[in-house]
N, C-alpha and C. Protein backbone atom coordinates (compact mmCIF):
# COMPACT_ATOMS: atom_id res chain seq x y z
N MET A 1 95.10 79.75 73.05
CA MET A 1 94.25 80.69 73.77
C MET A 1 93.75 81.73 72.79
N SER A 2 92.46 81.91 72.72
CA SER A 2 91.92 82.92 71.82
C SER A 2 91.82 84.24 72.57
N THR A 3 91.97 85.30 71.81
CA THR A 3 91.86 86.62 72.41
C THR A 3 90.69 87.34 71.78
N SER A 4 90.06 88.19 72.53
CA SER A 4 88.98 89.00 72.00
C SER A 4 89.40 90.45 72.05
N GLU A 5 88.65 91.26 71.37
CA GLU A 5 88.93 92.68 71.38
C GLU A 5 88.74 93.23 72.79
N PRO A 6 89.63 94.12 73.22
CA PRO A 6 89.45 94.70 74.56
C PRO A 6 88.19 95.55 74.60
N LYS A 7 87.57 95.59 75.75
CA LYS A 7 86.37 96.40 75.95
C LYS A 7 86.78 97.81 76.39
N ALA A 8 85.96 98.78 76.07
CA ALA A 8 86.28 100.17 76.38
C ALA A 8 86.60 100.38 77.85
N GLY A 9 85.88 99.68 78.75
CA GLY A 9 86.11 99.83 80.18
C GLY A 9 87.44 99.28 80.64
N GLU A 10 88.09 98.48 79.80
CA GLU A 10 89.39 97.91 80.13
C GLU A 10 90.54 98.85 79.78
N ARG A 11 90.20 100.03 79.30
CA ARG A 11 91.23 101.04 79.00
C ARG A 11 91.88 101.48 80.30
N ILE A 12 93.18 101.67 80.27
CA ILE A 12 93.97 102.01 81.46
C ILE A 12 93.84 103.50 81.77
N SER A 13 93.53 103.79 83.04
CA SER A 13 93.42 105.19 83.46
C SER A 13 94.49 105.60 84.45
N GLY A 14 95.22 104.64 85.02
CA GLY A 14 96.28 104.98 85.96
C GLY A 14 97.16 103.78 86.24
N VAL A 15 98.42 104.06 86.56
CA VAL A 15 99.40 103.00 86.84
C VAL A 15 100.26 103.44 88.01
N ARG A 16 100.44 102.52 88.98
CA ARG A 16 101.35 102.75 90.09
C ARG A 16 102.22 101.52 90.26
N VAL A 17 103.52 101.75 90.41
CA VAL A 17 104.45 100.63 90.61
C VAL A 17 105.20 100.86 91.91
N SER A 18 105.16 99.87 92.80
CA SER A 18 105.92 99.94 94.05
C SER A 18 107.08 98.96 93.96
N ASP A 19 107.76 98.74 95.07
CA ASP A 19 108.88 97.79 95.07
C ASP A 19 108.43 96.35 94.91
N ASP A 20 107.14 96.06 95.19
CA ASP A 20 106.70 94.67 95.12
C ASP A 20 105.40 94.42 94.35
N SER A 21 104.77 95.47 93.82
CA SER A 21 103.54 95.24 93.07
C SER A 21 103.29 96.33 92.03
N ILE A 22 102.37 96.01 91.13
CA ILE A 22 101.90 96.98 90.15
C ILE A 22 100.39 97.08 90.32
N GLU A 23 99.88 98.30 90.30
CA GLU A 23 98.45 98.55 90.40
C GLU A 23 98.03 99.31 89.16
N VAL A 24 97.01 98.79 88.49
CA VAL A 24 96.53 99.40 87.25
C VAL A 24 95.05 99.69 87.40
N ASP A 25 94.69 100.96 87.25
CA ASP A 25 93.29 101.38 87.30
C ASP A 25 92.71 101.34 85.90
N LEU A 26 91.48 100.83 85.79
CA LEU A 26 90.78 100.78 84.52
C LEU A 26 89.64 101.79 84.52
N LEU A 27 89.23 102.20 83.32
CA LEU A 27 88.16 103.19 83.21
C LEU A 27 86.85 102.72 83.82
N ASP A 28 86.62 101.42 83.87
CA ASP A 28 85.35 100.93 84.42
C ASP A 28 85.36 100.88 85.95
N GLY A 29 86.44 101.34 86.58
CA GLY A 29 86.50 101.42 88.04
C GLY A 29 87.26 100.30 88.71
N ARG A 30 87.61 99.26 87.96
CA ARG A 30 88.38 98.17 88.56
C ARG A 30 89.84 98.57 88.73
N THR A 31 90.49 97.97 89.72
CA THR A 31 91.93 98.11 89.92
C THR A 31 92.52 96.71 89.94
N ILE A 32 93.53 96.51 89.12
CA ILE A 32 94.23 95.23 89.06
C ILE A 32 95.52 95.38 89.85
N ILE A 33 95.79 94.45 90.75
CA ILE A 33 97.03 94.46 91.51
C ILE A 33 97.73 93.13 91.24
N ALA A 34 98.99 93.20 90.81
CA ALA A 34 99.76 91.99 90.52
C ALA A 34 101.13 92.10 91.17
N PRO A 35 101.69 90.98 91.58
CA PRO A 35 103.03 91.01 92.18
C PRO A 35 104.09 91.34 91.14
N LEU A 36 105.02 92.19 91.50
CA LEU A 36 106.09 92.56 90.58
C LEU A 36 106.97 91.36 90.24
N ALA A 37 106.98 90.35 91.09
CA ALA A 37 107.75 89.13 90.81
C ALA A 37 107.30 88.47 89.51
N TRP A 38 106.08 88.73 89.08
CA TRP A 38 105.60 88.19 87.80
C TRP A 38 106.28 88.85 86.61
N PHE A 39 106.88 90.00 86.81
CA PHE A 39 107.46 90.79 85.73
C PHE A 39 108.91 91.12 86.05
N PRO A 40 109.83 90.18 85.85
CA PRO A 40 111.23 90.35 86.27
C PRO A 40 111.89 91.62 85.75
N ARG A 41 111.55 92.04 84.56
CA ARG A 41 112.17 93.28 84.03
C ARG A 41 111.82 94.47 84.91
N LEU A 42 110.58 94.52 85.37
CA LEU A 42 110.17 95.61 86.26
C LEU A 42 110.70 95.41 87.67
N LEU A 43 110.72 94.17 88.12
CA LEU A 43 111.22 93.87 89.46
C LEU A 43 112.66 94.34 89.62
N HIS A 44 113.48 94.14 88.60
CA HIS A 44 114.90 94.48 88.67
C HIS A 44 115.21 95.87 88.13
N ALA A 45 114.20 96.61 87.71
CA ALA A 45 114.41 97.96 87.19
C ALA A 45 114.62 98.95 88.34
N THR A 46 115.24 100.06 88.02
CA THR A 46 115.40 101.14 89.00
C THR A 46 114.07 101.88 89.14
N ASP A 47 113.95 102.68 90.19
CA ASP A 47 112.75 103.49 90.35
C ASP A 47 112.54 104.41 89.16
N ALA A 48 113.63 104.98 88.65
CA ALA A 48 113.53 105.88 87.49
C ALA A 48 113.03 105.12 86.26
N GLN A 49 113.51 103.91 86.05
CA GLN A 49 113.05 103.11 84.91
C GLN A 49 111.58 102.73 85.07
N ARG A 50 111.17 102.40 86.27
CA ARG A 50 109.75 102.06 86.51
C ARG A 50 108.85 103.27 86.33
N SER A 51 109.37 104.43 86.64
CA SER A 51 108.57 105.66 86.52
C SER A 51 108.43 106.12 85.08
N ASN A 52 109.34 105.71 84.22
CA ASN A 52 109.30 106.11 82.82
C ASN A 52 108.39 105.15 82.05
N LEU A 53 107.11 105.41 82.12
CA LEU A 53 106.13 104.56 81.45
C LEU A 53 105.20 105.42 80.61
N ARG A 54 104.56 104.75 79.67
CA ARG A 54 103.54 105.43 78.87
C ARG A 54 102.47 104.41 78.53
N VAL A 55 101.25 104.90 78.40
CA VAL A 55 100.14 104.05 78.01
C VAL A 55 99.97 104.20 76.51
N ILE A 56 100.02 103.08 75.80
CA ILE A 56 99.97 103.07 74.34
C ILE A 56 98.87 102.09 73.89
N GLY A 57 98.84 101.80 72.61
CA GLY A 57 97.88 100.82 72.10
C GLY A 57 96.44 101.22 72.34
N GLY A 58 96.14 102.49 72.11
CA GLY A 58 94.77 102.95 72.30
C GLY A 58 94.34 103.01 73.75
N GLY A 59 95.30 102.94 74.67
CA GLY A 59 95.00 103.00 76.10
C GLY A 59 94.92 101.64 76.77
N PHE A 60 95.33 100.57 76.06
CA PHE A 60 95.22 99.23 76.60
C PHE A 60 96.55 98.57 76.95
N VAL A 61 97.65 99.26 76.70
CA VAL A 61 98.98 98.68 76.92
C VAL A 61 99.86 99.67 77.67
N ILE A 62 100.61 99.17 78.66
CA ILE A 62 101.59 99.99 79.37
C ILE A 62 102.96 99.61 78.83
N ASN A 63 103.75 100.62 78.49
CA ASN A 63 105.09 100.40 77.94
C ASN A 63 106.12 101.07 78.83
N TRP A 64 107.17 100.32 79.16
CA TRP A 64 108.34 100.84 79.87
C TRP A 64 109.50 100.74 78.89
N PRO A 65 109.80 101.81 78.15
CA PRO A 65 110.82 101.73 77.10
C PRO A 65 112.22 101.45 77.63
N ASP A 66 112.54 101.87 78.84
CA ASP A 66 113.88 101.67 79.38
C ASP A 66 114.20 100.21 79.66
N VAL A 67 113.16 99.39 79.89
CA VAL A 67 113.39 97.97 80.19
C VAL A 67 112.70 97.05 79.19
N ASP A 68 112.16 97.63 78.11
CA ASP A 68 111.51 96.87 77.04
C ASP A 68 110.42 95.94 77.58
N GLU A 69 109.54 96.51 78.41
CA GLU A 69 108.42 95.74 78.97
C GLU A 69 107.11 96.33 78.48
N HIS A 70 106.17 95.45 78.15
CA HIS A 70 104.83 95.85 77.72
C HIS A 70 103.83 94.97 78.46
N LEU A 71 102.85 95.58 79.10
CA LEU A 71 101.79 94.83 79.77
C LEU A 71 100.45 95.35 79.27
N SER A 72 99.56 94.43 78.93
CA SER A 72 98.23 94.84 78.45
C SER A 72 97.22 94.67 79.58
N SER A 73 96.16 95.44 79.50
CA SER A 73 95.10 95.29 80.49
C SER A 73 94.47 93.90 80.38
N GLN A 74 94.35 93.38 79.17
CA GLN A 74 93.78 92.03 79.00
C GLN A 74 94.66 90.97 79.67
N GLY A 75 95.96 91.07 79.49
CA GLY A 75 96.87 90.11 80.12
C GLY A 75 96.82 90.20 81.63
N LEU A 76 96.77 91.41 82.15
CA LEU A 76 96.68 91.59 83.60
C LEU A 76 95.36 91.04 84.14
N LEU A 77 94.27 91.28 83.42
CA LEU A 77 92.98 90.75 83.85
C LEU A 77 92.95 89.22 83.83
N ALA A 78 93.71 88.65 82.90
CA ALA A 78 93.77 87.19 82.81
C ALA A 78 94.71 86.58 83.84
N GLY A 79 95.46 87.44 84.55
CA GLY A 79 96.39 86.94 85.56
C GLY A 79 97.60 86.28 84.93
N ALA A 80 98.07 86.86 83.83
CA ALA A 80 99.16 86.25 83.07
C ALA A 80 100.50 86.87 83.43
N PRO A 81 101.37 86.12 84.14
CA PRO A 81 102.72 86.62 84.41
C PRO A 81 103.56 86.59 83.13
N ALA A 82 104.69 87.28 83.16
CA ALA A 82 105.61 87.27 82.03
C ALA A 82 106.11 85.85 81.81
N ARG A 83 106.43 85.49 80.58
CA ARG A 83 106.88 84.14 80.26
C ARG A 83 108.12 83.74 81.07
N ALA A 84 109.05 84.65 81.25
CA ALA A 84 110.26 84.33 82.01
C ALA A 84 109.92 83.97 83.46
N ALA A 85 108.97 84.68 84.04
CA ALA A 85 108.57 84.39 85.42
C ALA A 85 107.88 83.04 85.51
N MET A 86 107.09 82.69 84.49
CA MET A 86 106.40 81.41 84.49
C MET A 86 107.40 80.26 84.36
N SER A 87 108.42 80.42 83.50
CA SER A 87 109.37 79.33 83.30
C SER A 87 110.24 79.10 84.54
N ARG A 88 110.53 80.14 85.30
CA ARG A 88 111.29 79.97 86.54
C ARG A 88 110.48 79.28 87.60
N ALA A 89 109.17 79.55 87.62
CA ALA A 89 108.30 78.96 88.63
C ALA A 89 108.01 77.49 88.34
N GLY A 90 108.04 77.12 87.06
CA GLY A 90 107.65 75.77 86.69
C GLY A 90 108.78 74.86 86.72
């Protein structure tokens, strides 16, 4: 799979995590919603761990240091679950 440089509009402007989903707002106005089941580290994290996040990588990556999880806006736009979630489903 080839990757291209992220576009400015794909920069992350907001993140919300609930018990069953993650919502990521982008600067271009889009909101990405993905099931938390795709990201087992976040699914099994505490509320405090889910709340401890930071946007890094020039605004294109969300990092949860307490659970060692990183999600990029490009990966979310591509609909890419975490590798562990994919291997369990397959």
